[in-house]
């Protein structure tokens, strides 16, 4: 590879609520390799609005997860109770 070959530098967006999104400002900043001082990537410059969006998404996800965890715990509890019940007497008709 010749030294004149242009290196591809990737750009990364913010990851919020399971999606890659641009920063609210649209700004990017360079990331440097400290050993060569070469730009190795460009990263979205998150602002307060981006942080608010990420926190809101996390709280909404946490609330949904909490509910699904409660539901799962309830099912496990019911199965555990059923396992400890004495065997039924008689036959079902």
N, C-alpha and C. Protein backbone atom coordinates (compact mmCIF):
# COMPACT_ATOMS: atom_id res chain seq x y z
N UNK A 1 0.85 -1.18 0.00
CA UNK A 1 0.00 0.00 0.00
C UNK A 1 0.89 1.24 0.00
N UNK A 2 0.61 2.13 -0.89
CA UNK A 2 1.44 3.32 -0.96
C UNK A 2 1.06 4.30 0.14
N UNK A 3 1.99 5.14 0.50
CA UNK A 3 1.73 6.12 1.55
C UNK A 3 0.74 7.19 1.11
N UNK A 4 0.49 7.28 -0.20
CA UNK A 4 -0.45 8.28 -0.69
C UNK A 4 -1.89 7.77 -0.67
N UNK A 5 -2.08 6.49 -0.35
CA UNK A 5 -3.44 5.93 -0.29
C UNK A 5 -4.20 6.58 0.86
N UNK A 6 -5.42 6.96 0.54
CA UNK A 6 -6.24 7.63 1.55
C UNK A 6 -6.90 6.59 2.44
N UNK A 7 -6.76 6.77 3.74
CA UNK A 7 -7.34 5.86 4.70
C UNK A 7 -8.81 6.24 4.94
N UNK A 8 -9.67 5.23 5.02
CA UNK A 8 -11.09 5.48 5.29
C UNK A 8 -11.27 5.69 6.79
N UNK A 9 -11.89 6.79 7.14
CA UNK A 9 -12.14 7.11 8.55
C UNK A 9 -13.65 6.99 8.77
N UNK A 10 -14.04 6.10 9.67
CA UNK A 10 -15.47 5.88 9.93
C UNK A 10 -16.05 6.97 10.80
N UNK A 11 -17.35 7.17 10.64
CA UNK A 11 -18.08 8.13 11.45
C UNK A 11 -19.12 7.35 12.28
N UNK A 12 -19.22 7.69 13.54
CA UNK A 12 -20.13 7.00 14.46
C UNK A 12 -21.15 7.98 15.02
N UNK A 13 -22.40 7.53 15.06
CA UNK A 13 -23.47 8.34 15.61
C UNK A 13 -23.74 7.92 17.05
N UNK A 14 -24.68 8.59 17.69
CA UNK A 14 -25.09 8.21 19.05
C UNK A 14 -26.01 7.01 18.96
N UNK A 15 -25.91 6.10 19.93
CA UNK A 15 -26.78 4.92 19.98
C UNK A 15 -27.81 5.16 21.07
N UNK A 16 -29.05 5.46 20.66
CA UNK A 16 -30.11 5.79 21.60
C UNK A 16 -31.34 4.94 21.27
N UNK A 17 -31.85 4.27 22.27
CA UNK A 17 -33.08 3.48 22.14
C UNK A 17 -32.98 2.45 21.02
N UNK A 18 -31.81 1.82 20.92
CA UNK A 18 -31.62 0.75 19.95
C UNK A 18 -31.39 1.22 18.52
N UNK A 19 -31.13 2.50 18.34
CA UNK A 19 -30.92 3.03 16.99
C UNK A 19 -29.72 3.98 16.97
N UNK A 20 -29.04 4.00 15.84
CA UNK A 20 -27.97 4.98 15.63
C UNK A 20 -28.60 6.27 15.15
N UNK A 21 -28.37 7.35 15.86
CA UNK A 21 -28.98 8.64 15.51
C UNK A 21 -27.91 9.74 15.50
N UNK A 22 -28.12 10.72 14.64
CA UNK A 22 -27.23 11.88 14.61
C UNK A 22 -27.42 12.69 15.88
N UNK A 23 -26.42 13.45 16.24
CA UNK A 23 -26.57 14.33 17.40
C UNK A 23 -27.54 15.44 17.03
N UNK A 24 -28.17 16.02 18.02
CA UNK A 24 -29.15 17.08 17.76
C UNK A 24 -28.51 18.28 17.07
N UNK A 25 -27.22 18.47 17.30
CA UNK A 25 -26.53 19.61 16.67
C UNK A 25 -25.98 19.25 15.29
N UNK A 26 -25.88 17.96 15.02
CA UNK A 26 -25.29 17.52 13.76
C UNK A 26 -23.77 17.58 13.76
N UNK A 27 -23.19 18.01 14.88
CA UNK A 27 -21.73 18.16 14.96
C UNK A 27 -21.04 16.81 15.20
N UNK A 28 -19.82 16.71 14.69
CA UNK A 28 -18.97 15.54 14.90
C UNK A 28 -17.62 16.05 15.42
N UNK A 29 -16.89 15.17 16.11
CA UNK A 29 -15.53 15.54 16.49
C UNK A 29 -14.59 14.38 16.18
N UNK A 30 -13.32 14.71 15.91
CA UNK A 30 -12.36 13.67 15.54
C UNK A 30 -11.84 12.91 16.77
N UNK A 31 -11.51 11.63 16.54
CA UNK A 31 -10.86 10.81 17.56
C UNK A 31 -9.47 10.50 16.99
N UNK A 32 -8.46 10.74 17.81
CA UNK A 32 -7.07 10.59 17.35
C UNK A 32 -6.42 9.35 17.95
N UNK A 33 -5.57 8.71 17.14
CA UNK A 33 -4.70 7.65 17.64
C UNK A 33 -3.56 8.37 18.36
N UNK A 34 -3.42 8.16 19.68
CA UNK A 34 -2.40 8.91 20.42
C UNK A 34 -0.97 8.60 20.00
N UNK A 35 -0.76 7.42 19.41
CA UNK A 35 0.63 7.09 19.03
C UNK A 35 1.04 7.72 17.71
N UNK A 36 0.08 8.00 16.84
CA UNK A 36 0.42 8.56 15.53
C UNK A 36 -0.20 9.94 15.30
N UNK A 37 -1.13 10.32 16.17
CA UNK A 37 -1.88 11.56 16.05
C UNK A 37 -2.71 11.61 14.75
N UNK A 38 -3.00 10.41 14.20
CA UNK A 38 -3.87 10.31 13.04
C UNK A 38 -5.32 10.31 13.49
N UNK A 39 -6.20 10.88 12.68
CA UNK A 39 -7.63 10.79 12.94
C UNK A 39 -8.05 9.37 12.58
N UNK A 40 -8.65 8.67 13.55
CA UNK A 40 -9.06 7.28 13.31
C UNK A 40 -10.58 7.14 13.23
N UNK A 41 -11.32 8.16 13.63
CA UNK A 41 -12.79 8.12 13.55
C UNK A 41 -13.34 9.52 13.79
N UNK A 42 -14.59 9.67 13.46
CA UNK A 42 -15.35 10.88 13.80
C UNK A 42 -16.55 10.40 14.60
N UNK A 43 -16.86 11.09 15.68
CA UNK A 43 -17.92 10.68 16.59
C UNK A 43 -18.91 11.82 16.75
N UNK A 44 -20.20 11.46 16.83
CA UNK A 44 -21.24 12.47 17.04
C UNK A 44 -21.00 13.19 18.35
N UNK A 45 -21.13 14.49 18.31
CA UNK A 45 -20.94 15.31 19.51
C UNK A 45 -22.28 15.45 20.23
N UNK A 46 -22.47 14.62 21.25
CA UNK A 46 -23.73 14.64 21.99
C UNK A 46 -23.89 15.91 22.80
N UNK A 47 -25.05 16.47 22.74
CA UNK A 47 -25.38 17.69 23.50
C UNK A 47 -26.40 17.34 24.57
N UNK A 48 -26.82 18.33 25.34
CA UNK A 48 -27.77 18.11 26.43
C UNK A 48 -29.06 17.46 25.92
N UNK A 49 -29.53 17.87 24.75
CA UNK A 49 -30.76 17.31 24.19
C UNK A 49 -30.58 15.81 23.89
N UNK A 50 -29.38 15.42 23.47
CA UNK A 50 -29.11 14.01 23.19
C UNK A 50 -29.10 13.20 24.48
N UNK A 51 -28.51 13.78 25.52
CA UNK A 51 -28.49 13.11 26.82
C UNK A 51 -29.92 12.96 27.34
N UNK A 52 -30.72 14.01 27.23
CA UNK A 52 -32.12 13.94 27.66
C UNK A 52 -32.86 12.83 26.92
N UNK A 53 -32.64 12.74 25.63
CA UNK A 53 -33.29 11.72 24.81
C UNK A 53 -32.86 10.32 25.24
N UNK A 54 -31.58 10.14 25.50
CA UNK A 54 -31.07 8.83 25.92
C UNK A 54 -31.60 8.45 27.29
N UNK A 55 -31.64 9.39 28.21
CA UNK A 55 -32.14 9.11 29.56
C UNK A 55 -33.63 8.78 29.50
N UNK A 56 -34.38 9.53 28.72
CA UNK A 56 -35.82 9.26 28.57
C UNK A 56 -36.05 7.85 28.02
N UNK A 57 -35.30 7.48 26.99
CA UNK A 57 -35.44 6.14 26.40
C UNK A 57 -35.07 5.06 27.41
N UNK A 58 -34.02 5.30 28.19
CA UNK A 58 -33.60 4.32 29.19
C UNK A 58 -34.64 4.15 30.28
N UNK A 59 -35.23 5.24 30.72
CA UNK A 59 -36.26 5.17 31.76
C UNK A 59 -37.50 4.45 31.26
N UNK A 60 -37.89 4.71 30.02
CA UNK A 60 -39.04 4.02 29.45
C UNK A 60 -38.77 2.52 29.32
N UNK A 61 -37.57 2.18 28.89
CA UNK A 61 -37.20 0.78 28.76
C UNK A 61 -37.16 0.11 30.12
N UNK A 62 -36.62 0.82 31.10
CA UNK A 62 -36.53 0.26 32.45
C UNK A 62 -37.93 0.00 33.01
N UNK A 63 -38.87 0.91 32.78
CA UNK A 63 -40.24 0.72 33.27
C UNK A 63 -40.86 -0.51 32.62
N UNK A 64 -40.66 -0.69 31.34
CA UNK A 64 -41.18 -1.87 30.64
C UNK A 64 -40.52 -3.13 31.12
N UNK A 65 -39.21 -3.06 31.36
CA UNK A 65 -38.48 -4.23 31.85
C UNK A 65 -38.95 -4.59 33.25
N UNK A 66 -39.18 -3.59 34.08
CA UNK A 66 -39.64 -3.84 35.45
C UNK A 66 -40.97 -4.58 35.41
N UNK A 67 -41.88 -4.14 34.54
CA UNK A 67 -43.19 -4.79 34.43
C UNK A 67 -43.04 -6.22 33.92
N UNK A 68 -42.21 -6.43 32.90
CA UNK A 68 -42.05 -7.77 32.36
C UNK A 68 -41.38 -8.68 33.39
N UNK A 69 -40.50 -8.12 34.20
CA UNK A 69 -39.87 -8.90 35.26
C UNK A 69 -40.89 -9.30 36.31
N UNK A 70 -41.80 -8.37 36.66
CA UNK A 70 -42.87 -8.69 37.62
C UNK A 70 -43.72 -9.83 37.08
N UNK A 71 -44.07 -9.75 35.79
CA UNK A 71 -44.89 -10.80 35.17
C UNK A 71 -44.17 -12.14 35.23
N UNK A 72 -42.88 -12.13 34.91
CA UNK A 72 -42.10 -13.37 34.94
C UNK A 72 -42.02 -13.92 36.36
N UNK A 73 -41.81 -13.04 37.34
CA UNK A 73 -41.75 -13.49 38.73
C UNK A 73 -43.08 -14.09 39.16
N UNK A 74 -44.17 -13.51 38.72
CA UNK A 74 -45.49 -14.02 39.07
C UNK A 74 -45.68 -15.43 38.52
N UNK A 75 -45.27 -15.66 37.28
CA UNK A 75 -45.39 -16.99 36.67
C UNK A 75 -44.54 -18.00 37.43
N UNK A 76 -43.31 -17.62 37.77
CA UNK A 76 -42.43 -18.53 38.52
C UNK A 76 -43.05 -18.86 39.88
N UNK A 77 -43.61 -17.87 40.54
CA UNK A 77 -44.24 -18.08 41.83
C UNK A 77 -45.42 -19.04 41.70
N UNK A 78 -46.27 -18.86 40.68
CA UNK A 78 -47.41 -19.75 40.48
C UNK A 78 -46.96 -21.17 40.19
N UNK A 79 -45.92 -21.33 39.39
CA UNK A 79 -45.40 -22.67 39.10
C UNK A 79 -44.86 -23.30 40.38
N UNK A 80 -44.15 -22.50 41.18
CA UNK A 80 -43.60 -23.02 42.44
C UNK A 80 -44.71 -23.46 43.37
N UNK A 81 -45.76 -22.67 43.47
CA UNK A 81 -46.89 -23.04 44.32
C UNK A 81 -47.54 -24.32 43.84
N UNK A 82 -47.73 -24.41 42.52
CA UNK A 82 -48.36 -25.60 41.95
C UNK A 82 -47.52 -26.85 42.22
N UNK A 83 -46.22 -26.70 42.22
CA UNK A 83 -45.34 -27.85 42.45
C UNK A 83 -45.47 -28.37 43.88
N UNK A 84 -45.85 -27.49 44.80
CA UNK A 84 -45.97 -27.89 46.20
C UNK A 84 -47.37 -28.33 46.59
N UNK A 85 -48.33 -28.20 45.68
CA UNK A 85 -49.69 -28.63 46.00
C UNK A 85 -49.75 -30.14 46.13
N UNK A 86 -50.57 -30.66 47.03
CA UNK A 86 -50.70 -32.12 47.13
C UNK A 86 -51.36 -32.66 45.86
N UNK A 87 -51.09 -33.91 45.51
CA UNK A 87 -51.71 -34.47 44.30
C UNK A 87 -53.23 -34.47 44.42
N UNK A 88 -53.89 -34.25 43.31
CA UNK A 88 -55.36 -34.24 43.31
C UNK A 88 -55.90 -35.65 43.57
N UNK A 89 -57.01 -35.72 44.29
CA UNK A 89 -57.62 -37.01 44.55
C UNK A 89 -58.77 -37.20 43.58
N UNK A 90 -58.98 -38.44 43.20
CA UNK A 90 -60.08 -38.74 42.29
C UNK A 90 -59.64 -38.58 40.85
N UNK A 91 -60.57 -38.64 39.97
CA UNK A 91 -60.28 -38.50 38.53
C UNK A 91 -61.07 -37.36 37.97
N UNK A 92 -60.58 -36.82 36.94
CA UNK A 92 -61.28 -35.73 36.23
C UNK A 92 -62.26 -36.35 35.25
N UNK A 93 -63.43 -35.80 35.16
CA UNK A 93 -64.41 -36.30 34.19
C UNK A 93 -64.75 -35.21 33.21
